[in-house]
Amino acid sequence: MAEAQLAYSPDRATAYSELLAEVSAVVAGETSRTARYATTVSLLKAAFGDRFFWCGFYEVDPLKPQELVVGPYQGTLGCLRIPFGKGVCGAAALSRETIIVPDVHAFPGHIACDSRSNSEIVVPVFDSSGALVAVLDVDSTEFAAFDERDARGLEAVCRAMMA
């Protein structure tokens, strides 16, 4: 199987830098969070192709503030709701910190929305007041697909998306 063509540099640090500039330019002035989330997911999938098997946002439900509800995403069927503290997304929401999981099958309480996912990174998303509003969830079919370069790059993209 041929490797997927990436829309950006094959060097991840450079790819994130290029993506950061594009996200910033495209969402500038947009007031709809849904539009910002959907656009960012689209750009992430275009940038990283099949490396990002599932990529999307789980939003904090304003009616149930200790629960995440699926938002814009690209990939196979996602979980609809995730309580804070459950699975990788719920753990990141509770801790308010990025979590990198090299092997989701070894993560206590992992929620398997698709059995083909083998590694995951989840990045909390904050509004301008510092309130948690969502988490960005990215899954890969590869084990150990994510590292600190991805954490720093995705955190920067999320900050730019919310600016």
C-alpha atoms as a PDB file:
ATOM      1  CA  MET A   1       0.000   0.000   0.000  1.00  0.00           C
ATOM      2  CA  ALA A   2       1.417   3.391  -0.979  1.00  0.00           C
ATOM      3  CA  GLU A   3       1.963   5.948   1.762  1.00  0.00           C
ATOM      4  CA  ALA A   4      -0.645   8.711   1.790  1.00  0.00           C
ATOM      5  CA  GLN A   5       0.458  12.031   0.348  1.00  0.00           C
ATOM      6  CA  LEU A   6       0.515  14.740   2.979  1.00  0.00           C
ATOM      7  CA  ALA A   7      -0.633  18.249   2.180  1.00  0.00           C
ATOM      8  CA  TYR A   8       2.245  19.694   4.203  1.00  0.00           C
ATOM      9  CA  SER A   9       5.907  18.946   4.788  1.00  0.00           C
ATOM     10  CA  PRO A  10       6.662  15.341   5.803  1.00  0.00           C
ATOM     11  CA  ASP A  11       8.646  16.768   8.750  1.00  0.00           C
ATOM     12  CA  ARG A  12       6.072  16.987  11.556  1.00  0.00           C
ATOM     13  CA  ALA A  13       7.452  20.145  13.179  1.00  0.00           C
ATOM     14  CA  THR A  14       7.372  21.942   9.836  1.00  0.00           C
ATOM     15  CA  ALA A  15       3.944  20.507   9.009  1.00  0.00           C
ATOM     16  CA  TYR A  16       2.515  21.830  12.281  1.00  0.00           C
ATOM     17  CA  SER A  17       4.053  25.245  11.630  1.00  0.00           C
ATOM     18  CA  GLU A  18       2.475  25.354   8.158  1.00  0.00           C
ATOM     19  CA  LEU A  19      -0.850  24.116   9.532  1.00  0.00           C
ATOM     20  CA  LEU A  20      -0.814  26.677  12.340  1.00  0.00           C
ATOM     21  CA  ALA A  21      -0.491  29.503   9.819  1.00  0.00           C
ATOM     22  CA  GLU A  22      -3.328  28.114   7.699  1.00  0.00           C
ATOM     23  CA  VAL A  23      -5.715  27.541  10.627  1.00  0.00           C
ATOM     24  CA  SER A  24      -5.025  31.051  11.909  1.00  0.00           C
ATOM     25  CA  ALA A  25      -5.734  32.588   8.503  1.00  0.00           C
ATOM     26  CA  VAL A  26      -8.837  30.544   7.687  1.00  0.00           C
ATOM     27  CA  VAL A  27     -10.694  30.949  11.004  1.00  0.00           C
ATOM     28  CA  ALA A  28      -9.733  34.593  11.593  1.00  0.00           C
ATOM     29  CA  GLY A  29     -12.861  36.557  12.425  1.00  0.00           C
ATOM     30  CA  GLU A  30     -15.126  33.489  12.533  1.00  0.00           C
ATOM     31  CA  THR A  31     -17.450  33.643  15.552  1.00  0.00           C
ATOM     32  CA  SER A  32     -18.986  30.153  15.279  1.00  0.00           C
ATOM     33  CA  ARG A  33     -17.151  27.520  17.298  1.00  0.00           C
ATOM     34  CA  THR A  34     -18.731  24.804  15.169  1.00  0.00           C
ATOM     35  CA  ALA A  35     -17.258  26.381  12.037  1.00  0.00           C
ATOM     36  CA  ARG A  36     -13.860  26.710  13.730  1.00  0.00           C
ATOM     37  CA  TYR A  37     -13.906  23.072  14.897  1.00  0.00           C
ATOM     38  CA  ALA A  38     -15.088  21.689  11.544  1.00  0.00           C
ATOM     39  CA  THR A  39     -12.537  23.710   9.595  1.00  0.00           C
ATOM     40  CA  THR A  40      -9.688  22.717  11.906  1.00  0.00           C
ATOM     41  CA  VAL A  41     -10.582  19.017  11.646  1.00  0.00           C
ATOM     42  CA  SER A  42     -10.706  19.286   7.862  1.00  0.00           C
ATOM     43  CA  LEU A  43      -7.284  20.940   7.760  1.00  0.00           C
ATOM     44  CA  LEU A  44      -5.792  18.379  10.170  1.00  0.00           C
ATOM     45  CA  LYS A  45      -7.070  15.462   8.080  1.00  0.00           C
ATOM     46  CA  ALA A  46      -5.781  17.110   4.892  1.00  0.00           C
ATOM     47  CA  ALA A  47      -2.395  17.696   6.506  1.00  0.00           C
ATOM     48  CA  PHE A  48      -1.871  14.263   8.051  1.00  0.00           C
ATOM     49  CA  GLY A  49      -4.055  11.992   5.924  1.00  0.00           C
ATOM     50  CA  ASP A  50      -4.417   8.406   7.066  1.00  0.00           C
ATOM     51  CA  ARG A  51      -1.987   8.954   9.953  1.00  0.00           C
ATOM     52  CA  PHE A  52      -4.997  10.567  11.680  1.00  0.00           C
ATOM     53  CA  PHE A  53      -7.472   7.661  11.519  1.00  0.00           C
ATOM     54  CA  TRP A  54     -10.074   9.552  13.584  1.00  0.00           C
ATOM     55  CA  CYS A  55      -9.865  13.265  14.259  1.00  0.00           C
ATOM     56  CA  GLY A  56     -12.458  15.425  15.940  1.00  0.00           C
ATOM     57  CA  PHE A  57     -13.766  17.434  18.824  1.00  0.00           C
ATOM     58  CA  TYR A  58     -15.782  16.450  21.853  1.00  0.00           C
ATOM     59  CA  GLU A  59     -17.448  19.538  23.275  1.00  0.00           C
ATOM     60  CA  VAL A  60     -18.311  20.208  26.909  1.00  0.00           C
ATOM     61  CA  ASP A  61     -22.097  19.946  27.073  1.00  0.00           C
ATOM     62  CA  PRO A  62     -23.405  23.226  28.573  1.00  0.00           C
ATOM     63  CA  LEU A  63     -26.427  21.367  29.981  1.00  0.00           C
ATOM     64  CA  LYS A  64     -24.250  18.609  31.491  1.00  0.00           C
ATOM     65  CA  PRO A  65     -20.926  20.351  32.220  1.00  0.00           C
ATOM     66  CA  GLN A  66     -19.206  17.149  33.384  1.00  0.00           C
ATOM     67  CA  GLU A  67     -19.889  15.418  30.069  1.00  0.00           C
ATOM     68  CA  LEU A  68     -18.442  15.647  26.579  1.00  0.00           C
ATOM     69  CA  VAL A  69     -20.636  15.351  23.483  1.00  0.00           C
ATOM     70  CA  VAL A  70     -19.301  14.567  20.033  1.00  0.00           C
ATOM     71  CA  GLY A  71     -18.768  17.577  17.792  1.00  0.00           C
ATOM     72  CA  PRO A  72     -17.325  17.962  14.296  1.00  0.00           C
ATOM     73  CA  TYR A  73     -15.104  15.045  13.315  1.00  0.00           C
ATOM     74  CA  GLN A  74     -13.795  12.995  10.414  1.00  0.00           C
ATOM     75  CA  GLY A  75     -13.503   9.242  10.650  1.00  0.00           C
ATOM     76  CA  THR A  76     -15.601   6.268  11.599  1.00  0.00           C
ATOM     77  CA  LEU A  77     -18.491   6.447  14.036  1.00  0.00           C
ATOM     78  CA  GLY A  78     -17.491   8.174  17.269  1.00  0.00           C
ATOM     79  CA  CYS A  79     -18.841   7.806  20.771  1.00  0.00           C
ATOM     80  CA  LEU A  80     -21.734  10.207  21.302  1.00  0.00           C
ATOM     81  CA  ARG A  81     -21.093  11.112  24.965  1.00  0.00           C
ATOM     82  CA  ILE A  82     -18.154  10.685  27.307  1.00  0.00           C
ATOM     83  CA  PRO A  83     -18.277  11.537  31.030  1.00  0.00           C
ATOM     84  CA  PHE A  84     -15.334  13.454  32.489  1.00  0.00           C
ATOM     85  CA  GLY A  85     -12.839  10.950  33.881  1.00  0.00           C
ATOM     86  CA  LYS A  86     -13.833   8.123  31.480  1.00  0.00           C
ATOM     87  CA  GLY A  87     -11.545   7.012  28.674  1.00  0.00           C
ATOM     88  CA  VAL A  88      -8.732   9.140  27.295  1.00  0.00           C
ATOM     89  CA  CYS A  89     -11.014  12.051  26.335  1.00  0.00           C
ATOM     90  CA  GLY A  90     -12.679  12.147  29.740  1.00  0.00           C
ATOM     91  CA  ALA A  91      -9.301  11.889  31.483  1.00  0.00           C
ATOM     92  CA  ALA A  92      -7.926  14.832  29.464  1.00  0.00           C
ATOM     93  CA  ALA A  93     -11.063  16.860  30.191  1.00  0.00           C
ATOM     94  CA  LEU A  94     -10.755  16.157  33.919  1.00  0.00           C
ATOM     95  CA  SER A  95      -6.994  16.828  34.122  1.00  0.00           C
ATOM     96  CA  ARG A  96      -7.092  19.719  31.618  1.00  0.00           C
ATOM     97  CA  GLU A  97      -3.820  18.372  30.212  1.00  0.00           C
ATOM     98  CA  THR A  98      -2.800  16.747  26.931  1.00  0.00           C
ATOM     99  CA  ILE A  99      -2.631  12.961  27.132  1.00  0.00           C
ATOM    100  CA  ILE A 100      -0.604  10.790  24.749  1.00  0.00           C
ATOM    101  CA  VAL A 101      -1.443   7.079  24.794  1.00  0.00           C
ATOM    102  CA  PRO A 102       0.969   4.856  22.814  1.00  0.00           C
ATOM    103  CA  ASP A 103      -1.264   1.769  23.247  1.00  0.00           C
ATOM    104  CA  VAL A 104      -4.942   2.429  23.942  1.00  0.00           C
ATOM    105  CA  HIS A 105      -5.484  -1.233  24.811  1.00  0.00           C
ATOM    106  CA  ALA A 106      -3.285  -0.742  27.876  1.00  0.00           C
ATOM    107  CA  PHE A 107      -5.054   2.451  29.013  1.00  0.00           C
ATOM    108  CA  PRO A 108      -7.309   1.724  32.013  1.00  0.00           C
ATOM    109  CA  GLY A 109     -10.925   2.430  31.107  1.00  0.00           C
ATOM    110  CA  HIS A 110     -10.246   3.089  27.425  1.00  0.00           C
ATOM    111  CA  ILE A 111     -13.478   3.495  25.446  1.00  0.00           C
ATOM    112  CA  ALA A 112     -13.165   1.590  22.172  1.00  0.00           C
ATOM    113  CA  CYS A 113     -15.313   3.431  19.635  1.00  0.00           C
ATOM    114  CA  ASP A 114     -13.436   1.618  16.836  1.00  0.00           C
ATOM    115  CA  SER A 115     -11.289  -1.459  17.516  1.00  0.00           C
ATOM    116  CA  ARG A 116      -8.825  -0.415  14.791  1.00  0.00           C
ATOM    117  CA  SER A 117      -7.538   2.482  16.932  1.00  0.00           C
ATOM    118  CA  ASN A 118      -4.242   1.620  18.616  1.00  0.00           C
ATOM    119  CA  SER A 119      -2.881   4.949  19.834  1.00  0.00           C
ATOM    120  CA  GLU A 120      -4.409   8.292  20.722  1.00  0.00           C
ATOM    121  CA  ILE A 121      -3.681  11.871  21.670  1.00  0.00           C
ATOM    122  CA  VAL A 122      -6.224  14.158  23.328  1.00  0.00           C
ATOM    123  CA  VAL A 123      -5.703  17.913  23.696  1.00  0.00           C
ATOM    124  CA  PRO A 124      -7.915  20.126  25.901  1.00  0.00           C
ATOM    125  CA  VAL A 125      -9.351  23.243  24.245  1.00  0.00           C
ATOM    126  CA  PHE A 126      -9.896  26.426  26.265  1.00  0.00           C
ATOM    127  CA  ASP A 127     -11.801  29.612  25.500  1.00  0.00           C
ATOM    128  CA  SER A 128     -10.361  33.103  26.050  1.00  0.00           C
ATOM    129  CA  SER A 129     -11.383  33.040  29.733  1.00  0.00           C
ATOM    130  CA  GLY A 130      -9.536  29.750  30.327  1.00  0.00           C
ATOM    131  CA  ALA A 131     -12.683  27.614  30.547  1.00  0.00           C
ATOM    132  CA  LEU A 132     -12.505  24.121  29.075  1.00  0.00           C
ATOM    133  CA  VAL A 133     -14.848  24.051  26.055  1.00  0.00           C
ATOM    134  CA  ALA A 134     -13.784  20.882  24.228  1.00  0.00           C
ATOM    135  CA  VAL A 135     -11.093  18.300  23.667  1.00  0.00           C
ATOM    136  CA  LEU A 136      -9.431  17.473  20.360  1.00  0.00           C
ATOM    137  CA  ASP A 137      -9.219  13.698  19.953  1.00  0.00           C
ATOM    138  CA  VAL A 138      -6.921  12.096  17.376  1.00  0.00           C
ATOM    139  CA  ASP A 139      -6.611   8.323  16.941  1.00  0.00           C
ATOM    140  CA  SER A 140      -4.205   6.267  14.847  1.00  0.00           C
ATOM    141  CA  THR A 141      -4.248   2.660  13.712  1.00  0.00           C
ATOM    142  CA  GLU A 142      -0.502   2.591  14.440  1.00  0.00           C
ATOM    143  CA  PHE A 143       0.889   2.020  17.906  1.00  0.00           C
ATOM    144  CA  ALA A 144       2.898   4.923  19.409  1.00  0.00           C
ATOM    145  CA  ALA A 145       1.930   7.229  16.548  1.00  0.00           C
ATOM    146  CA  PHE A 146       2.055  10.409  18.649  1.00  0.00           C
ATOM    147  CA  ASP A 147       4.793  12.133  20.616  1.00  0.00           C
ATOM    148  CA  GLU A 148       5.656  15.498  22.138  1.00  0.00           C
ATOM    149  CA  ARG A 149       5.959  17.093  18.678  1.00  0.00           C
ATOM    150  CA  ASP A 150       2.310  16.221  18.092  1.00  0.00           C
ATOM    151  CA  ALA A 151       1.318  17.447  21.557  1.00  0.00           C
ATOM    152  CA  ARG A 152       3.000  20.839  21.088  1.00  0.00           C
ATOM    153  CA  GLY A 153       1.771  21.150  17.494  1.00  0.00           C
ATOM    154  CA  LEU A 154      -1.843  20.266  18.267  1.00  0.00           C
ATOM    155  CA  GLU A 155      -1.892  22.488  21.360  1.00  0.00           C
ATOM    156  CA  ALA A 156      -0.695  25.408  19.225  1.00  0.00           C
ATOM    157  CA  VAL A 157      -3.322  24.655  16.556  1.00  0.00           C
ATOM    158  CA  CYS A 158      -6.070  24.585  19.222  1.00  0.00           C
ATOM    159  CA  ARG A 159      -4.910  27.909  20.677  1.00  0.00           C
ATOM    160  CA  ALA A 160      -4.858  29.477  17.206  1.00  0.00           C
ATOM    161  CA  MET A 161      -8.291  28.049  16.409  1.00  0.00           C
ATOM    162  CA  MET A 162      -9.726  29.707  19.538  1.00  0.00           C
ATOM    163  CA  ALA A 163      -7.902  33.059  19.143  1.00  0.00           C
END
